């Protein structure tokens, strides 16, 4: 059995500074911060493309599920989940609650 290596710091943990105050170390680098502030329009465009691709996958899956027999438990379970994902994706300005709900639904579908 392996023993944990001592002396290594973990990113994001609170560390005590020389004056006794607690500081939180950040795992983001300056280049990541710079990209996030200057590339907002690129990020939005990339996110829009990802959402379009996801919506296309969901619509294809919905069409496939609707071709299954009406009595299929699998289809009856997954169709409402796919429809809920599509309804959340149609909202452009989503709340954090909607984002987390979308993530959970997509993980249930094994799409994310």
PDB file of N, CA and C in Angstrom:
ATOM      1  N   UNK A   1       0.836  -1.172   0.000  1.00  0.00           N
ATOM      2  CA  UNK A   1       0.000   0.000   0.000  1.00  0.00           C
ATOM      3  C   UNK A   1       0.884   1.239   0.000  1.00  0.00           C
ATOM      4  N   UNK A   2       0.542   2.226  -0.774  1.00  0.00           N
ATOM      5  CA  UNK A   2       1.336   3.449  -0.881  1.00  0.00           C
ATOM      6  C   UNK A   2       1.018   4.407   0.241  1.00  0.00           C
ATOM      7  N   UNK A   3       2.036   5.094   0.674  1.00  0.00           N
ATOM      8  CA  UNK A   3       1.861   6.123   1.680  1.00  0.00           C
ATOM      9  C   UNK A   3       1.805   7.480   1.006  1.00  0.00           C
ATOM     10  N   UNK A   4       1.034   8.413   1.555  1.00  0.00           N
ATOM     11  CA  UNK A   4       0.979   9.743   0.946  1.00  0.00           C
ATOM     12  C   UNK A   4       2.327  10.444   1.078  1.00  0.00           C
ATOM     13  N   UNK A   5       2.682  11.195   0.062  1.00  0.00           N
ATOM     14  CA  UNK A   5       3.934  11.941   0.052  1.00  0.00           C
ATOM     15  C   UNK A   5       3.748  13.189   0.889  1.00  0.00           C
ATOM     16  N   UNK A   6       4.651  13.376   1.824  1.00  0.00           N
ATOM     17  CA  UNK A   6       4.544  14.539   2.698  1.00  0.00           C
ATOM     18  C   UNK A   6       5.297  15.719   2.105  1.00  0.00           C
ATOM     19  N   UNK A   7       4.817  16.901   2.433  1.00  0.00           N
ATOM     20  CA  UNK A   7       5.513  18.107   2.018  1.00  0.00           C
ATOM     21  C   UNK A   7       4.990  18.717   0.736  1.00  0.00           C
ATOM     22  N   UNK A   8       4.120  18.046   0.050  1.00  0.00           N
ATOM     23  CA  UNK A   8       3.556  18.630  -1.171  1.00  0.00           C
ATOM     24  C   UNK A   8       2.330  19.440  -0.826  1.00  0.00           C
ATOM     25  N   UNK A   9       2.175  20.536  -1.517  1.00  0.00           N
ATOM     26  CA  UNK A   9       1.007  21.394  -1.301  1.00  0.00           C
ATOM     27  C   UNK A   9      -0.041  21.075  -2.338  1.00  0.00           C
ATOM     28  N   UNK A  10      -1.268  21.175  -1.929  1.00  0.00           N
ATOM     29  CA  UNK A  10      -2.383  20.990  -2.858  1.00  0.00           C
ATOM     30  C   UNK A  10      -2.920  22.343  -3.256  1.00  0.00           C
ATOM     31  N   UNK A  11      -3.271  22.486  -4.533  1.00  0.00           N
ATOM     32  CA  UNK A  11      -3.829  23.740  -5.029  1.00  0.00           C
ATOM     33  C   UNK A  11      -5.214  23.950  -4.440  1.00  0.00           C
ATOM     34  N   UNK A  12      -5.499  25.180  -4.025  1.00  0.00           N
ATOM     35  CA  UNK A  12      -6.819  25.513  -3.528  1.00  0.00           C
ATOM     36  C   UNK A  12      -6.964  25.364  -2.031  1.00  0.00           C
ATOM     37  N   UNK A  13      -5.988  24.833  -1.341  1.00  0.00           N
ATOM     38  CA  UNK A  13      -6.074  24.675   0.107  1.00  0.00           C
ATOM     39  C   UNK A  13      -5.630  25.968   0.781  1.00  0.00           C
ATOM     40  N   UNK A  14      -6.181  26.229   1.936  1.00  0.00           N
ATOM     41  CA  UNK A  14      -5.805  27.413   2.690  1.00  0.00           C
ATOM     42  C   UNK A  14      -4.424  27.197   3.297  1.00  0.00           C
ATOM     43  N   UNK A  15      -3.578  28.199   3.180  1.00  0.00           N
ATOM     44  CA  UNK A  15      -2.232  28.121   3.721  1.00  0.00           C
ATOM     45  C   UNK A  15      -2.030  29.284   4.674  1.00  0.00           C
ATOM     46  N   UNK A  16      -1.275  29.049   5.723  1.00  0.00           N
ATOM     47  CA  UNK A  16      -0.993  30.114   6.682  1.00  0.00           C
ATOM     48  C   UNK A  16       0.212  30.895   6.205  1.00  0.00           C
ATOM     49  N   UNK A  17       0.123  32.218   6.184  1.00  0.00           N
ATOM     50  CA  UNK A  17       1.246  33.048   5.773  1.00  0.00           C
ATOM     51  C   UNK A  17       2.102  33.368   6.991  1.00  0.00           C
ATOM     52  N   UNK A  18       3.168  34.115   6.759  1.00  0.00           N
ATOM     53  CA  UNK A  18       4.108  34.425   7.830  1.00  0.00           C
ATOM     54  C   UNK A  18       3.462  35.236   8.940  1.00  0.00           C
ATOM     55  N   UNK A  19       2.478  36.094   8.611  1.00  0.00           N
ATOM     56  CA  UNK A  19       1.843  36.907   9.636  1.00  0.00           C
ATOM     57  C   UNK A  19       0.676  36.191  10.313  1.00  0.00           C
ATOM     58  N   UNK A  20       0.438  34.918   9.970  1.00  0.00           N
ATOM     59  CA  UNK A  20      -0.590  34.130  10.640  1.00  0.00           C
ATOM     60  C   UNK A  20      -1.951  34.179   9.973  1.00  0.00           C
ATOM     61  N   UNK A  21      -2.107  34.996   8.935  1.00  0.00           N
ATOM     62  CA  UNK A  21      -3.386  35.058   8.227  1.00  0.00           C
ATOM     63  C   UNK A  21      -3.468  33.916   7.231  1.00  0.00           C
ATOM     64  N   UNK A  22      -4.669  33.502   6.987  1.00  0.00           N
ATOM     65  CA  UNK A  22      -4.905  32.403   6.060  1.00  0.00           C
ATOM     66  C   UNK A  22      -5.026  32.942   4.646  1.00  0.00           C
ATOM     67  N   UNK A  23      -4.338  32.291   3.704  1.00  0.00           N
ATOM     68  CA  UNK A  23      -4.417  32.668   2.302  1.00  0.00           C
ATOM     69  C   UNK A  23      -4.872  31.458   1.511  1.00  0.00           C
ATOM     70  N   UNK A  24      -5.575  31.692   0.433  1.00  0.00           N
ATOM     71  CA  UNK A  24      -6.005  30.593  -0.423  1.00  0.00           C
ATOM     72  C   UNK A  24      -5.164  30.634  -1.682  1.00  0.00           C
ATOM     73  N   UNK A  25      -4.518  29.519  -1.988  1.00  0.00           N
ATOM     74  CA  UNK A  25      -3.708  29.478  -3.200  1.00  0.00           C
ATOM     75  C   UNK A  25      -4.623  29.205  -4.378  1.00  0.00           C
ATOM     76  N   UNK A  26      -4.283  29.760  -5.503  1.00  0.00           N
ATOM     77  CA  UNK A  26      -5.107  29.627  -6.696  1.00  0.00           C
ATOM     78  C   UNK A  26      -4.414  28.717  -7.687  1.00  0.00           C
ATOM     79  N   UNK A  27      -5.178  27.887  -8.363  1.00  0.00           N
ATOM     80  CA  UNK A  27      -4.598  26.975  -9.336  1.00  0.00           C
ATOM     81  C   UNK A  27      -4.571  27.578 -10.737  1.00  0.00           C
ATOM     82  N   UNK A  28      -5.123  28.771 -10.943  1.00  0.00           N
ATOM     83  CA  UNK A  28      -5.103  29.390 -12.259  1.00  0.00           C
ATOM     84  C   UNK A  28      -3.813  30.159 -12.434  1.00  0.00           C
ATOM     85  N   UNK A  29      -3.301  30.124 -13.641  1.00  0.00           N
ATOM     86  CA  UNK A  29      -2.088  30.860 -13.941  1.00  0.00           C
ATOM     87  C   UNK A  29      -2.451  32.205 -14.536  1.00  0.00           C
ATOM     88  N   UNK A  30      -1.457  33.061 -14.699  1.00  0.00           N
ATOM     89  CA  UNK A  30      -1.739  34.379 -15.251  1.00  0.00           C
ATOM     90  C   UNK A  30      -2.167  34.287 -16.699  1.00  0.00           C
ATOM     91  N   UNK A  31      -1.642  33.312 -17.439  1.00  0.00           N
ATOM     92  CA  UNK A  31      -2.048  33.191 -18.841  1.00  0.00           C
ATOM     93  C   UNK A  31      -3.508  32.765 -18.950  1.00  0.00           C
ATOM     94  N   UNK A  32      -3.982  31.892 -18.035  1.00  0.00           N
ATOM     95  CA  UNK A  32      -5.382  31.490 -18.049  1.00  0.00           C
ATOM     96  C   UNK A  32      -6.271  32.678 -17.729  1.00  0.00           C
ATOM     97  N   UNK A  33      -5.853  33.488 -16.762  1.00  0.00           N
ATOM     98  CA  UNK A  33      -6.623  34.670 -16.396  1.00  0.00           C
ATOM     99  C   UNK A  33      -6.667  35.647 -17.553  1.00  0.00           C
ATOM    100  N   UNK A  34      -5.536  35.829 -18.239  1.00  0.00           N
ATOM    101  CA  UNK A  34      -5.471  36.747 -19.362  1.00  0.00           C
ATOM    102  C   UNK A  34      -6.392  36.293 -20.484  1.00  0.00           C
ATOM    103  N   UNK A  35      -6.383  34.980 -20.774  1.00  0.00           N
ATOM    104  CA  UNK A  35      -7.245  34.463 -21.829  1.00  0.00           C
ATOM    105  C   UNK A  35      -8.718  34.632 -21.487  1.00  0.00           C
ATOM    106  N   UNK A  36      -9.060  34.453 -20.219  1.00  0.00           N
ATOM    107  CA  UNK A  36     -10.467  34.548 -19.854  1.00  0.00           C
ATOM    108  C   UNK A  36     -10.981  35.977 -19.936  1.00  0.00           C
ATOM    109  N   UNK A  37     -10.100  36.969 -19.756  1.00  0.00           N
ATOM    110  CA  UNK A  37     -10.563  38.350 -19.825  1.00  0.00           C
ATOM    111  C   UNK A  37     -10.574  38.870 -21.250  1.00  0.00           C
ATOM    112  N   UNK A  38      -9.625  38.406 -22.091  1.00  0.00           N
ATOM    113  CA  UNK A  38      -9.567  38.937 -23.450  1.00  0.00           C
ATOM    114  C   UNK A  38     -10.357  38.117 -24.445  1.00  0.00           C
ATOM    115  N   UNK A  39     -10.623  36.856 -24.160  1.00  0.00           N
ATOM    116  CA  UNK A  39     -11.273  35.993 -25.125  1.00  0.00           C
ATOM    117  C   UNK A  39     -12.736  35.748 -24.848  1.00  0.00           C
ATOM    118  N   UNK A  40     -13.444  36.727 -24.291  1.00  0.00           N
ATOM    119  CA  UNK A  40     -14.848  36.528 -23.967  1.00  0.00           C
ATOM    120  C   UNK A  40     -15.679  36.226 -25.200  1.00  0.00           C
ATOM    121  N   UNK A  41     -15.441  36.959 -26.284  1.00  0.00           N
ATOM    122  CA  UNK A  41     -16.235  36.729 -27.490  1.00  0.00           C
ATOM    123  C   UNK A  41     -15.908  35.379 -28.103  1.00  0.00           C
ATOM    124  N   UNK A  42     -14.623  34.975 -28.035  1.00  0.00           N
ATOM    125  CA  UNK A  42     -14.248  33.654 -28.552  1.00  0.00           C
ATOM    126  C   UNK A  42     -14.861  32.561 -27.691  1.00  0.00           C
ATOM    127  N   UNK A  43     -14.877  32.762 -26.379  1.00  0.00           N
ATOM    128  CA  UNK A  43     -15.467  31.782 -25.481  1.00  0.00           C
ATOM    129  C   UNK A  43     -16.952  31.625 -25.749  1.00  0.00           C
ATOM    130  N   UNK A  44     -17.632  32.744 -25.976  1.00  0.00           N
ATOM    131  CA  UNK A  44     -19.068  32.691 -26.252  1.00  0.00           C
ATOM    132  C   UNK A  44     -19.338  31.976 -27.562  1.00  0.00           C
ATOM    133  N   UNK A  45     -18.488  32.236 -28.573  1.00  0.00           N
ATOM    134  CA  UNK A  45     -18.662  31.578 -29.865  1.00  0.00           C
ATOM    135  C   UNK A  45     -18.406  30.078 -29.746  1.00  0.00           C
ATOM    136  N   UNK A  46     -17.367  29.715 -29.008  1.00  0.00           N
ATOM    137  CA  UNK A  46     -17.056  28.291 -28.813  1.00  0.00           C
ATOM    138  C   UNK A  46     -18.159  27.604 -28.022  1.00  0.00           C
ATOM    139  N   UNK A  47     -18.672  28.291 -27.014  1.00  0.00           N
ATOM    140  CA  UNK A  47     -19.754  27.719 -26.208  1.00  0.00           C
ATOM    141  C   UNK A  47     -21.008  27.548 -27.055  1.00  0.00           C
ATOM    142  N   UNK A  48     -21.286  28.509 -27.924  1.00  0.00           N
ATOM    143  CA  UNK A  48     -22.460  28.402 -28.785  1.00  0.00           C
ATOM    144  C   UNK A  48     -22.326  27.207 -29.733  1.00  0.00           C
ATOM    145  N   UNK A  49     -21.114  26.987 -30.261  1.00  0.00           N
ATOM    146  CA  UNK A  49     -20.893  25.830 -31.139  1.00  0.00           C
ATOM    147  C   UNK A  49     -21.072  24.527 -30.381  1.00  0.00           C
ATOM    148  N   UNK A  50     -20.550  24.475 -29.158  1.00  0.00           N
ATOM    149  CA  UNK A  50     -20.696  23.272 -28.344  1.00  0.00           C
ATOM    150  C   UNK A  50     -22.165  22.984 -28.051  1.00  0.00           C
ATOM    151  N   UNK A  51     -22.918  24.044 -27.752  1.00  0.00           N
ATOM    152  CA  UNK A  51     -24.340  23.864 -27.463  1.00  0.00           C
ATOM    153  C   UNK A  51     -25.099  23.406 -28.696  1.00  0.00           C
ATOM    154  N   UNK A  52     -24.720  23.931 -29.876  1.00  0.00           N
ATOM    155  CA  UNK A  52     -25.370  23.493 -31.114  1.00  0.00           C
ATOM    156  C   UNK A  52     -25.092  22.017 -31.377  1.00  0.00           C
ATOM    157  N   UNK A  53     -23.845  21.600 -31.148  1.00  0.00           N
ATOM    158  CA  UNK A  53     -23.485  20.194 -31.346  1.00  0.00           C
ATOM    159  C   UNK A  53     -24.231  19.306 -30.353  1.00  0.00           C
ATOM    160  N   UNK A  54     -24.332  19.767 -29.117  1.00  0.00           N
ATOM    161  CA  UNK A  54     -25.049  19.012 -28.098  1.00  0.00           C
ATOM    162  C   UNK A  54     -26.530  18.908 -28.432  1.00  0.00           C
ATOM    163  N   UNK A  55     -27.092  20.010 -28.895  1.00  0.00           N
ATOM    164  CA  UNK A  55     -28.505  20.001 -29.273  1.00  0.00           C
ATOM    165  C   UNK A  55     -28.749  19.041 -30.440  1.00  0.00           C
ATOM    166  N   UNK A  56     -27.808  19.014 -31.372  1.00  0.00           N
ATOM    167  CA  UNK A  56     -27.937  18.104 -32.519  1.00  0.00           C
ATOM    168  C   UNK A  56     -27.896  16.651 -32.043  1.00  0.00           C
ATOM    169  N   UNK A  57     -26.968  16.336 -31.119  1.00  0.00           N
ATOM    170  CA  UNK A  57     -26.885  14.983 -30.565  1.00  0.00           C
ATOM    171  C   UNK A  57     -28.180  14.600 -29.852  1.00  0.00           C
ATOM    172  N   UNK A  58     -28.713  15.550 -29.079  1.00  0.00           N
ATOM    173  CA  UNK A  58     -29.944  15.270 -28.335  1.00  0.00           C
ATOM    174  C   UNK A  58     -31.120  15.036 -29.276  1.00  0.00           C
ATOM    175  N   UNK A  59     -31.201  15.839 -30.333  1.00  0.00           N
ATOM    176  CA  UNK A  59     -32.302  15.661 -31.294  1.00  0.00           C
ATOM    177  C   UNK A  59     -32.194  14.317 -32.023  1.00  0.00           C
ATOM    178  N   UNK A  60     -30.961  13.913 -32.366  1.00  0.00           N
ATOM    179  CA  UNK A  60     -30.774  12.605 -32.993  1.00  0.00           C
ATOM    180  C   UNK A  60     -31.165  11.483 -32.045  1.00  0.00           C
ATOM    181  N   UNK A  61     -30.787  11.630 -30.774  1.00  0.00           N
ATOM    182  CA  UNK A  61     -31.150  10.607 -29.798  1.00  0.00           C
ATOM    183  C   UNK A  61     -32.657  10.565 -29.593  1.00  0.00           C
ATOM    184  N   UNK A  62     -33.293  11.734 -29.580  1.00  0.00           N
ATOM    185  CA  UNK A  62     -34.747  11.779 -29.419  1.00  0.00           C
ATOM    186  C   UNK A  62     -35.433  11.080 -30.592  1.00  0.00           C
ATOM    187  N   UNK A  63     -34.955  11.331 -31.813  1.00  0.00           N
ATOM    188  CA  UNK A  63     -35.527  10.658 -32.983  1.00  0.00           C
ATOM    189  C   UNK A  63     -35.350   9.142 -32.887  1.00  0.00           C
ATOM    190  N   UNK A  64     -34.169   8.716 -32.435  1.00  0.00           N
ATOM    191  CA  UNK A  64     -33.907   7.282 -32.277  1.00  0.00           C
ATOM    192  C   UNK A  64     -34.827   6.673 -31.226  1.00  0.00           C
ATOM    193  N   UNK A  65     -35.007   7.374 -30.114  1.00  0.00           N
ATOM    194  CA  UNK A  65     -35.859   6.867 -29.040  1.00  0.00           C
ATOM    195  C   UNK A  65     -37.315   6.785 -29.465  1.00  0.00           C
ATOM    196  N   UNK A  66     -37.737   7.733 -30.290  1.00  0.00           N
ATOM    197  CA  UNK A  66     -39.133   7.726 -30.739  1.00  0.00           C
ATOM    198  C   UNK A  66     -39.413   6.606 -31.731  1.00  0.00           C
ATOM    199  N   UNK A  67     -38.359   6.026 -32.314  1.00  0.00           N
ATOM    200  CA  UNK A  67     -38.536   4.898 -33.221  1.00  0.00           C
ATOM    201  C   UNK A  67     -38.682   3.576 -32.474  1.00  0.00           C
ATOM    202  N   UNK A  68     -38.329   3.572 -31.189  1.00  0.00           N
ATOM    203  CA  UNK A  68     -38.472   2.361 -30.381  1.00  0.00           C
ATOM    204  C   UNK A  68     -39.953   2.107 -30.096  1.00  0.00           C
ATOM    205  N   UNK A  69     -40.297   0.882 -29.717  1.00  0.00           N
ATOM    206  CA  UNK A  69     -41.703   0.578 -29.412  1.00  0.00           C
ATOM    207  C   UNK A  69     -42.261   1.461 -28.296  1.00  0.00           C
ATOM    208  N   UNK A  70     -43.533   1.757 -28.367  1.00  0.00           N
ATOM    209  CA  UNK A  70     -44.187   2.623 -27.376  1.00  0.00           C
ATOM    210  C   UNK A  70     -44.105   2.044 -25.967  1.00  0.00           C
ATOM    211  N   UNK A  71     -44.105   0.712 -25.860  1.00  0.00           N
ATOM    212  CA  UNK A  71     -44.090   0.067 -24.551  1.00  0.00           C
ATOM    213  C   UNK A  71     -42.682  -0.054 -23.960  1.00  0.00           C
ATOM    214  N   UNK A  72     -41.681   0.456 -24.658  1.00  0.00           N
ATOM    215  CA  UNK A  72     -40.299   0.337 -24.198  1.00  0.00           C
ATOM    216  C   UNK A  72     -40.075   1.199 -22.953  1.00  0.00           C
ATOM    217  N   UNK A  73     -39.711   0.544 -21.849  1.00  0.00           N
ATOM    218  CA  UNK A  73     -39.439   1.295 -20.608  1.00  0.00           C
ATOM    219  C   UNK A  73     -38.231   2.200 -20.798  1.00  0.00           C
ATOM    220  N   UNK A  74     -37.255   1.706 -21.518  1.00  0.00           N
ATOM    221  CA  UNK A  74     -36.045   2.469 -21.796  1.00  0.00           C
ATOM    222  C   UNK A  74     -36.397   3.791 -22.473  1.00  0.00           C
ATOM    223  N   UNK A  75     -37.213   3.710 -23.517  1.00  0.00           N
ATOM    224  CA  UNK A  75     -37.594   4.913 -24.260  1.00  0.00           C
ATOM    225  C   UNK A  75     -38.476   5.825 -23.406  1.00  0.00           C
ATOM    226  N   UNK A  76     -39.424   5.242 -22.677  1.00  0.00           N
ATOM    227  CA  UNK A  76     -40.310   6.067 -21.840  1.00  0.00           C
ATOM    228  C   UNK A  76     -39.536   6.793 -20.752  1.00  0.00           C
ATOM    229  N   UNK A  77     -38.446   6.229 -20.306  1.00  0.00           N
ATOM    230  CA  UNK A  77     -37.632   6.872 -19.273  1.00  0.00           C
ATOM    231  C   UNK A  77     -36.750   7.969 -19.865  1.00  0.00           C
ATOM    232  N   UNK A  78     -36.134   7.683 -21.009  1.00  0.00           N
ATOM    233  CA  UNK A  78     -35.150   8.610 -21.568  1.00  0.00           C
ATOM    234  C   UNK A  78     -35.751   9.771 -22.354  1.00  0.00           C
ATOM    235  N   UNK A  79     -36.902   9.577 -22.980  1.00  0.00           N
ATOM    236  CA  UNK A  79     -37.504  10.653 -23.780  1.00  0.00           C
ATOM    237  C   UNK A  79     -37.764  11.905 -22.944  1.00  0.00           C
ATOM    238  N   UNK A  80     -38.366  11.819 -21.747  1.00  0.00           N
ATOM    239  CA  UNK A  80     -38.564  13.038 -20.960  1.00  0.00           C
ATOM    240  C   UNK A  80     -37.247  13.709 -20.543  1.00  0.00           C
ATOM    241  N   UNK A  81     -36.221  12.908 -20.309  1.00  0.00           N
ATOM    242  CA  UNK A  81     -34.927  13.478 -19.928  1.00  0.00           C
ATOM    243  C   UNK A  81     -34.333  14.253 -21.096  1.00  0.00           C
ATOM    244  N   UNK A  82     -34.377  13.677 -22.286  1.00  0.00           N
ATOM    245  CA  UNK A  82     -33.845  14.345 -23.472  1.00  0.00           C
ATOM    246  C   UNK A  82     -34.650  15.611 -23.763  1.00  0.00           C
ATOM    247  N   UNK A  83     -35.972  15.540 -23.637  1.00  0.00           N
ATOM    248  CA  UNK A  83     -36.810  16.722 -23.875  1.00  0.00           C
ATOM    249  C   UNK A  83     -36.514  17.827 -22.863  1.00  0.00           C
ATOM    250  N   UNK A  84     -36.276  17.459 -21.600  1.00  0.00           N
ATOM    251  CA  UNK A  84     -35.942  18.453 -20.574  1.00  0.00           C
ATOM    252  C   UNK A  84     -34.590  19.110 -20.892  1.00  0.00           C
ATOM    253  N   UNK A  85     -33.628  18.311 -21.330  1.00  0.00           N
ATOM    254  CA  UNK A  85     -32.325  18.866 -21.723  1.00  0.00           C
ATOM    255  C   UNK A  85     -32.476  19.860 -22.872  1.00  0.00           C
ATOM    256  N   UNK A  86     -33.279  19.503 -23.844  1.00  0.00           N
ATOM    257  CA  UNK A  86     -33.502  20.398 -24.981  1.00  0.00           C
ATOM    258  C   UNK A  86     -34.200  21.688 -24.549  1.00  0.00           C
ATOM    259  N   UNK A  87     -35.125  21.585 -23.604  1.00  0.00           N
ATOM    260  CA  UNK A  87     -35.814  22.792 -23.141  1.00  0.00           C
ATOM    261  C   UNK A  87     -34.860  23.707 -22.369  1.00  0.00           C
ATOM    262  N   UNK A  88     -33.955  23.128 -21.586  1.00  0.00           N
ATOM    263  CA  UNK A  88     -32.981  23.947 -20.858  1.00  0.00           C
ATOM    264  C   UNK A  88     -31.983  24.559 -21.834  1.00  0.00           C
ATOM    265  N   UNK A  89     -31.565  23.795 -22.851  1.00  0.00           N
ATOM    266  CA  UNK A  89     -30.624  24.323 -23.841  1.00  0.00           C
ATOM    267  C   UNK A  89     -31.218  25.471 -24.648  1.00  0.00           C
ATOM    268  N   UNK A  90     -32.530  25.486 -24.800  1.00  0.00           N
ATOM    269  CA  UNK A  90     -33.161  26.548 -25.591  1.00  0.00           C
ATOM    270  C   UNK A  90     -33.102  27.902 -24.887  1.00  0.00           C
ATOM    271  N   UNK A  91     -32.883  27.887 -23.569  1.00  0.00           N
ATOM    272  CA  UNK A  91     -32.765  29.131 -22.805  1.00  0.00           C
ATOM    273  C   UNK A  91     -31.336  29.640 -22.952  1.00  0.00           C
ATOM    274  N   UNK A  92     -31.164  30.840 -23.467  1.00  0.00           N
ATOM    275  CA  UNK A  92     -29.817  31.379 -23.700  1.00  0.00           C
ATOM    276  C   UNK A  92     -29.168  31.865 -22.411  1.00  0.00           C
ATOM    277  N   UNK A  93     -29.900  32.562 -21.574  1.00  0.00           N
ATOM    278  CA  UNK A  93     -29.369  33.044 -20.289  1.00  0.00           C
ATOM    279  C   UNK A  93     -29.879  32.110 -19.207  1.00  0.00           C
ATOM    280  N   UNK A  94     -29.055  31.112 -18.873  1.00  0.00           N
ATOM    281  CA  UNK A  94     -29.471  30.123 -17.887  1.00  0.00           C
ATOM    282  C   UNK A  94     -28.967  30.490 -16.503  1.00  0.00           C
ATOM    283  N   UNK A  95     -29.739  30.088 -15.500  1.00  0.00           N
ATOM    284  CA  UNK A  95     -29.318  30.288 -14.120  1.00  0.00           C
ATOM    285  C   UNK A  95     -28.363  29.159 -13.734  1.00  0.00           C
ATOM    286  N   UNK A  96     -27.708  29.327 -12.607  1.00  0.00           N
ATOM    287  CA  UNK A  96     -26.797  28.280 -12.135  1.00  0.00           C
ATOM    288  C   UNK A  96     -27.561  26.989 -11.855  1.00  0.00           C
ATOM    289  N   UNK A  97     -28.776  27.142 -11.327  1.00  0.00           N
ATOM    290  CA  UNK A  97     -29.604  25.977 -11.053  1.00  0.00           C
ATOM    291  C   UNK A  97     -29.909  25.208 -12.335  1.00  0.00           C
ATOM    292  N   UNK A  98     -30.236  25.934 -13.391  1.00  0.00           N
ATOM    293  CA  UNK A  98     -30.517  25.290 -14.676  1.00  0.00           C
ATOM    294  C   UNK A  98     -29.268  24.625 -15.238  1.00  0.00           C
ATOM    295  N   UNK A  99     -28.108  25.285 -15.079  1.00  0.00           N
ATOM    296  CA  UNK A  99     -26.849  24.706 -15.550  1.00  0.00           C
ATOM    297  C   UNK A  99     -26.545  23.400 -14.829  1.00  0.00           C
ATOM    298  N   UNK A 100     -26.712  23.406 -13.502  1.00  0.00           N
ATOM    299  CA  UNK A 100     -26.424  22.190 -12.746  1.00  0.00           C
ATOM    300  C   UNK A 100     -27.426  21.091 -13.087  1.00  0.00           C
ATOM    301  N   UNK A 101     -28.681  21.460 -13.288  1.00  0.00           N
ATOM    302  CA  UNK A 101     -29.701  20.478 -13.662  1.00  0.00           C
ATOM    303  C   UNK A 101     -29.382  19.884 -15.034  1.00  0.00           C
ATOM    304  N   UNK A 102     -28.939  20.726 -15.957  1.00  0.00           N
ATOM    305  CA  UNK A 102     -28.572  20.250 -17.287  1.00  0.00           C
ATOM    306  C   UNK A 102     -27.395  19.281 -17.203  1.00  0.00           C
ATOM    307  N   UNK A 103     -26.394  19.612 -16.396  1.00  0.00           N
ATOM    308  CA  UNK A 103     -25.247  18.724 -16.220  1.00  0.00           C
ATOM    309  C   UNK A 103     -25.677  17.364 -15.677  1.00  0.00           C
ATOM    310  N   UNK A 104     -26.546  17.381 -14.667  1.00  0.00           N
ATOM    311  CA  UNK A 104     -27.014  16.127 -14.079  1.00  0.00           C
ATOM    312  C   UNK A 104     -27.789  15.294 -15.089  1.00  0.00           C
ATOM    313  N   UNK A 105     -28.658  15.945 -15.850  1.00  0.00           N
ATOM    314  CA  UNK A 105     -29.448  15.213 -16.843  1.00  0.00           C
ATOM    315  C   UNK A 105     -28.554  14.628 -17.929  1.00  0.00           C
ATOM    316  N   UNK A 106     -27.577  15.403 -18.387  1.00  0.00           N
ATOM    317  CA  UNK A 106     -26.679  14.919 -19.428  1.00  0.00           C
ATOM    318  C   UNK A 106     -25.797  13.774 -18.917  1.00  0.00           C
ATOM    319  N   UNK A 107     -25.430  13.846 -17.648  1.00  0.00           N
ATOM    320  CA  UNK A 107     -24.627  12.735 -17.101  1.00  0.00           C
ATOM    321  C   UNK A 107     -25.472  11.464 -16.999  1.00  0.00           C
ATOM    322  N   UNK A 108     -26.765  11.607 -16.740  1.00  0.00           N
ATOM    323  CA  UNK A 108     -27.661  10.442 -16.716  1.00  0.00           C
ATOM    324  C   UNK A 108     -27.788   9.827 -18.108  1.00  0.00           C
ATOM    325  N   UNK A 109     -27.656  10.665 -19.130  1.00  0.00           N
ATOM    326  CA  UNK A 109     -27.742  10.179 -20.501  1.00  0.00           C
ATOM    327  C   UNK A 109     -26.392   9.742 -21.041  1.00  0.00           C
ATOM    328  N   UNK A 110     -25.336   9.947 -20.290  1.00  0.00           N
ATOM    329  CA  UNK A 110     -23.967   9.641 -20.724  1.00  0.00           C
ATOM    330  C   UNK A 110     -23.585  10.411 -21.984  1.00  0.00           C
ATOM    331  N   UNK A 111     -23.996  11.648 -22.067  1.00  0.00           N
ATOM    332  CA  UNK A 111     -23.652  12.480 -23.208  1.00  0.00           C
ATOM    333  C   UNK A 111     -22.504  13.414 -22.873  1.00  0.00           C
ATOM    334  N   UNK A 112     -22.447  13.876 -21.666  1.00  0.00           N
ATOM    335  CA  UNK A 112     -21.405  14.819 -21.262  1.00  0.00           C
ATOM    336  C   UNK A 112     -20.057  14.189 -21.130  1.00  0.00           C
TER     337      UNK A 112
END
